[in-house]
Every structure is written in C-alpha cells, then in structure tokens.
C-alpha cells in the first residue's frame, strides 16, 4: 500500500473549467485497486456526491488551444 503522507489537493472550493463551482470533500482510496479518488459535489442543483479518479480531477484539459486545470482551487 502507498504511504499516507502523499500530497493531495486540499479540501475546499474548486471551479470547473466550464465555470461551475464544486467542493472537494476528501481524497479516498479504492478498496480493490488502491486508486486515489476525489470525492466531491457540485454547489448547484441536487448536490449529489460524486467520485472520479484523482488523476482526472487534477489533470489539465485543452480549452481553445490552451491547457487549463480541469478543477482550479478557489479557497479552503
């Protein structure tokens, strides 16, 4: 198992590259694969809780020919 002192993005508010705000609640580990997962919820609509691979949460995406963060940290 990987060490527990890995660096993770801080819990808090993030803005998705398409403009909506989300709250990153926690970084969890998949029970079978040990893959790190971002546990988050939108701050609009029904506010269901979602998970996605942490690598995808923190990756950059191309928008109008420019690399931008998929989720940009706003505040804790």
N, C-alpha and C. Protein backbone atom coordinates (compact mmCIF):
# COMPACT_ATOMS: atom_id res chain seq x y z
N UNK A 1 0.84 -1.18 0.00
CA UNK A 1 0.00 0.00 0.00
C UNK A 1 0.88 1.23 0.00
N UNK A 2 0.43 2.30 -0.64
CA UNK A 2 1.18 3.53 -0.71
C UNK A 2 1.19 4.22 0.64
N UNK A 3 2.17 5.08 0.85
CA UNK A 3 2.28 5.80 2.12
C UNK A 3 1.15 6.79 2.32
N UNK A 4 0.88 7.11 3.58
CA UNK A 4 -0.21 8.02 3.89
C UNK A 4 0.22 9.48 3.83
N UNK A 5 1.52 9.75 3.61
CA UNK A 5 1.96 11.14 3.56
C UNK A 5 2.10 11.64 2.13
N UNK A 6 1.30 11.07 1.22
CA UNK A 6 1.26 11.55 -0.16
C UNK A 6 0.62 12.93 -0.18
N UNK A 7 1.01 13.76 -1.14
CA UNK A 7 0.42 15.09 -1.28
C UNK A 7 -0.88 14.99 -2.07
N UNK A 8 -1.93 15.55 -1.51
CA UNK A 8 -3.23 15.58 -2.16
C UNK A 8 -3.69 17.02 -2.26
N UNK A 9 -4.56 17.32 -3.21
CA UNK A 9 -5.11 18.68 -3.25
C UNK A 9 -5.93 18.93 -1.98
N UNK A 10 -5.94 20.16 -1.49
CA UNK A 10 -6.68 20.43 -0.25
C UNK A 10 -8.19 20.37 -0.47
N UNK A 11 -8.90 19.97 0.57
CA UNK A 11 -10.36 20.06 0.53
C UNK A 11 -10.73 21.53 0.40
N UNK A 12 -11.82 21.80 -0.27
CA UNK A 12 -12.26 23.18 -0.41
C UNK A 12 -13.01 23.40 -1.71
N UNK A 13 -13.08 24.65 -2.10
CA UNK A 13 -13.86 25.03 -3.28
C UNK A 13 -12.98 25.06 -4.52
N UNK A 14 -13.54 24.53 -5.60
CA UNK A 14 -12.85 24.48 -6.89
C UNK A 14 -13.79 24.96 -7.97
N UNK A 15 -13.25 25.56 -9.01
CA UNK A 15 -14.04 25.96 -10.17
C UNK A 15 -13.69 25.04 -11.33
N UNK A 16 -14.70 24.40 -11.91
CA UNK A 16 -14.52 23.55 -13.07
C UNK A 16 -14.23 24.44 -14.27
N UNK A 17 -13.49 23.93 -15.22
CA UNK A 17 -13.12 24.75 -16.38
C UNK A 17 -14.33 25.23 -17.19
N UNK A 18 -15.48 24.58 -17.00
CA UNK A 18 -16.69 25.04 -17.69
C UNK A 18 -17.44 26.10 -16.89
N UNK A 19 -16.95 26.42 -15.67
CA UNK A 19 -17.50 27.55 -14.93
C UNK A 19 -18.22 27.28 -13.63
N UNK A 20 -18.70 26.06 -13.39
CA UNK A 20 -19.43 25.77 -12.16
C UNK A 20 -18.47 25.51 -11.00
N UNK A 21 -18.96 25.77 -9.77
CA UNK A 21 -18.16 25.55 -8.57
C UNK A 21 -18.50 24.20 -7.94
N UNK A 22 -17.46 23.60 -7.34
CA UNK A 22 -17.57 22.29 -6.70
C UNK A 22 -16.83 22.32 -5.38
N UNK A 23 -17.21 21.44 -4.48
CA UNK A 23 -16.50 21.29 -3.22
C UNK A 23 -15.80 19.93 -3.21
N UNK A 24 -14.49 19.95 -3.08
CA UNK A 24 -13.74 18.71 -2.89
C UNK A 24 -13.84 18.37 -1.42
N UNK A 25 -14.47 17.24 -1.12
CA UNK A 25 -14.72 16.84 0.26
C UNK A 25 -13.57 16.05 0.85
N UNK A 26 -13.00 15.15 0.02
CA UNK A 26 -12.00 14.23 0.57
C UNK A 26 -11.30 13.52 -0.59
N UNK A 27 -10.13 13.00 -0.30
CA UNK A 27 -9.46 12.08 -1.22
C UNK A 27 -9.56 10.70 -0.59
N UNK A 28 -10.13 9.75 -1.32
CA UNK A 28 -10.34 8.39 -0.82
C UNK A 28 -9.51 7.42 -1.64
N UNK A 29 -9.44 6.18 -1.17
CA UNK A 29 -8.70 5.14 -1.87
C UNK A 29 -9.66 4.00 -2.22
N UNK A 30 -9.63 3.56 -3.46
CA UNK A 30 -10.47 2.45 -3.91
C UNK A 30 -10.07 1.19 -3.15
N UNK A 31 -11.03 0.45 -2.65
CA UNK A 31 -10.75 -0.71 -1.79
C UNK A 31 -10.07 -1.87 -2.51
N UNK A 32 -10.26 -1.99 -3.80
CA UNK A 32 -9.68 -3.11 -4.54
C UNK A 32 -8.39 -2.73 -5.27
N UNK A 33 -8.38 -1.56 -5.88
CA UNK A 33 -7.24 -1.17 -6.72
C UNK A 33 -6.29 -0.20 -6.03
N UNK A 34 -6.71 0.37 -4.92
CA UNK A 34 -5.97 1.40 -4.18
C UNK A 34 -5.81 2.70 -4.98
N UNK A 35 -6.56 2.84 -6.08
CA UNK A 35 -6.53 4.08 -6.85
C UNK A 35 -7.07 5.21 -5.99
N UNK A 36 -6.43 6.37 -6.04
CA UNK A 36 -6.91 7.53 -5.31
C UNK A 36 -8.08 8.15 -6.05
N UNK A 37 -9.11 8.53 -5.30
CA UNK A 37 -10.34 9.07 -5.85
C UNK A 37 -10.67 10.41 -5.20
N UNK A 38 -11.11 11.36 -6.00
CA UNK A 38 -11.61 12.63 -5.49
C UNK A 38 -13.09 12.46 -5.16
N UNK A 39 -13.47 12.83 -3.95
CA UNK A 39 -14.87 12.79 -3.51
C UNK A 39 -15.34 14.24 -3.48
N UNK A 40 -16.32 14.57 -4.32
CA UNK A 40 -16.69 15.97 -4.47
C UNK A 40 -18.17 16.11 -4.77
N UNK A 41 -18.66 17.34 -4.69
CA UNK A 41 -20.07 17.60 -5.01
C UNK A 41 -20.19 18.95 -5.69
N UNK A 42 -21.15 19.07 -6.59
CA UNK A 42 -21.40 20.37 -7.21
C UNK A 42 -22.08 21.30 -6.20
N UNK A 43 -21.85 22.58 -6.33
CA UNK A 43 -22.50 23.56 -5.46
C UNK A 43 -23.70 24.19 -6.18
N UNK A 44 -24.41 23.35 -6.92
CA UNK A 44 -25.62 23.75 -7.63
C UNK A 44 -26.46 22.50 -7.80
N UNK A 45 -27.71 22.66 -8.16
CA UNK A 45 -28.58 21.50 -8.42
C UNK A 45 -28.81 20.68 -7.16
N UNK A 46 -28.89 19.37 -7.34
CA UNK A 46 -29.20 18.47 -6.24
C UNK A 46 -28.02 18.20 -5.31
N UNK A 47 -26.83 18.58 -5.71
CA UNK A 47 -25.62 18.44 -4.89
C UNK A 47 -25.30 17.00 -4.51
N UNK A 48 -25.57 16.08 -5.42
CA UNK A 48 -25.19 14.69 -5.19
C UNK A 48 -23.68 14.60 -5.01
N UNK A 49 -23.23 13.58 -4.29
CA UNK A 49 -21.80 13.36 -4.10
C UNK A 49 -21.30 12.46 -5.22
N UNK A 50 -20.16 12.84 -5.81
CA UNK A 50 -19.55 12.13 -6.93
C UNK A 50 -18.13 11.73 -6.58
N UNK A 51 -17.62 10.74 -7.30
CA UNK A 51 -16.20 10.40 -7.21
C UNK A 51 -15.65 10.30 -8.63
N UNK A 52 -14.39 10.63 -8.77
CA UNK A 52 -13.68 10.42 -10.03
C UNK A 52 -12.23 10.19 -9.67
N UNK A 53 -11.48 9.52 -10.53
CA UNK A 53 -10.07 9.31 -10.24
C UNK A 53 -9.38 10.65 -9.94
N UNK A 54 -8.56 10.66 -8.90
CA UNK A 54 -7.86 11.88 -8.52
C UNK A 54 -7.01 12.40 -9.68
N UNK A 55 -6.40 11.50 -10.42
CA UNK A 55 -5.58 11.92 -11.56
C UNK A 55 -6.40 12.71 -12.57
N UNK A 56 -7.66 12.34 -12.75
CA UNK A 56 -8.54 13.05 -13.68
C UNK A 56 -8.97 14.40 -13.07
N UNK A 57 -9.24 14.41 -11.76
CA UNK A 57 -9.65 15.64 -11.08
C UNK A 57 -8.56 16.70 -11.19
N UNK A 58 -7.30 16.29 -11.09
CA UNK A 58 -6.18 17.24 -11.06
C UNK A 58 -5.54 17.48 -12.43
N UNK A 59 -6.01 16.80 -13.46
CA UNK A 59 -5.37 16.95 -14.77
C UNK A 59 -5.75 18.27 -15.44
N UNK A 60 -4.98 18.60 -16.47
CA UNK A 60 -5.30 19.76 -17.31
C UNK A 60 -6.05 19.28 -18.54
N UNK A 61 -6.88 20.17 -19.07
CA UNK A 61 -7.62 19.90 -20.29
C UNK A 61 -7.35 21.04 -21.27
N UNK A 62 -7.54 20.77 -22.54
CA UNK A 62 -7.30 21.80 -23.55
C UNK A 62 -8.59 22.56 -23.83
N UNK A 63 -8.52 23.87 -23.71
CA UNK A 63 -9.65 24.75 -23.99
C UNK A 63 -9.15 25.85 -24.91
N UNK A 64 -9.71 25.92 -26.09
CA UNK A 64 -9.32 26.94 -27.09
C UNK A 64 -7.81 26.93 -27.32
N UNK A 65 -7.23 25.73 -27.39
CA UNK A 65 -5.81 25.59 -27.67
C UNK A 65 -4.89 25.83 -26.48
N UNK A 66 -5.45 26.01 -25.29
CA UNK A 66 -4.67 26.29 -24.09
C UNK A 66 -4.93 25.22 -23.04
N UNK A 67 -3.90 24.80 -22.32
CA UNK A 67 -4.04 23.84 -21.23
C UNK A 67 -4.48 24.58 -19.97
N UNK A 68 -5.60 24.15 -19.38
CA UNK A 68 -6.11 24.74 -18.15
C UNK A 68 -6.46 23.62 -17.19
N UNK A 69 -6.43 23.88 -15.87
CA UNK A 69 -6.81 22.83 -14.91
C UNK A 69 -8.28 22.45 -15.09
N UNK A 70 -8.57 21.15 -15.00
CA UNK A 70 -9.97 20.71 -15.04
C UNK A 70 -10.73 21.34 -13.87
N UNK A 71 -10.14 21.30 -12.68
CA UNK A 71 -10.69 21.95 -11.49
C UNK A 71 -9.62 22.86 -10.92
N UNK A 72 -9.93 24.14 -10.78
CA UNK A 72 -8.98 25.12 -10.25
C UNK A 72 -9.36 25.45 -8.82
N UNK A 73 -8.39 25.35 -7.91
CA UNK A 73 -8.62 25.64 -6.50
C UNK A 73 -9.01 27.10 -6.32
N UNK A 74 -10.07 27.34 -5.52
CA UNK A 74 -10.51 28.71 -5.22
C UNK A 74 -10.17 29.07 -3.78
N UNK A 75 -10.65 28.23 -2.82
CA UNK A 75 -10.38 28.51 -1.40
C UNK A 75 -10.68 27.30 -0.55
N UNK A 76 -10.12 27.31 0.67
CA UNK A 76 -10.35 26.22 1.64
C UNK A 76 -11.68 26.42 2.33
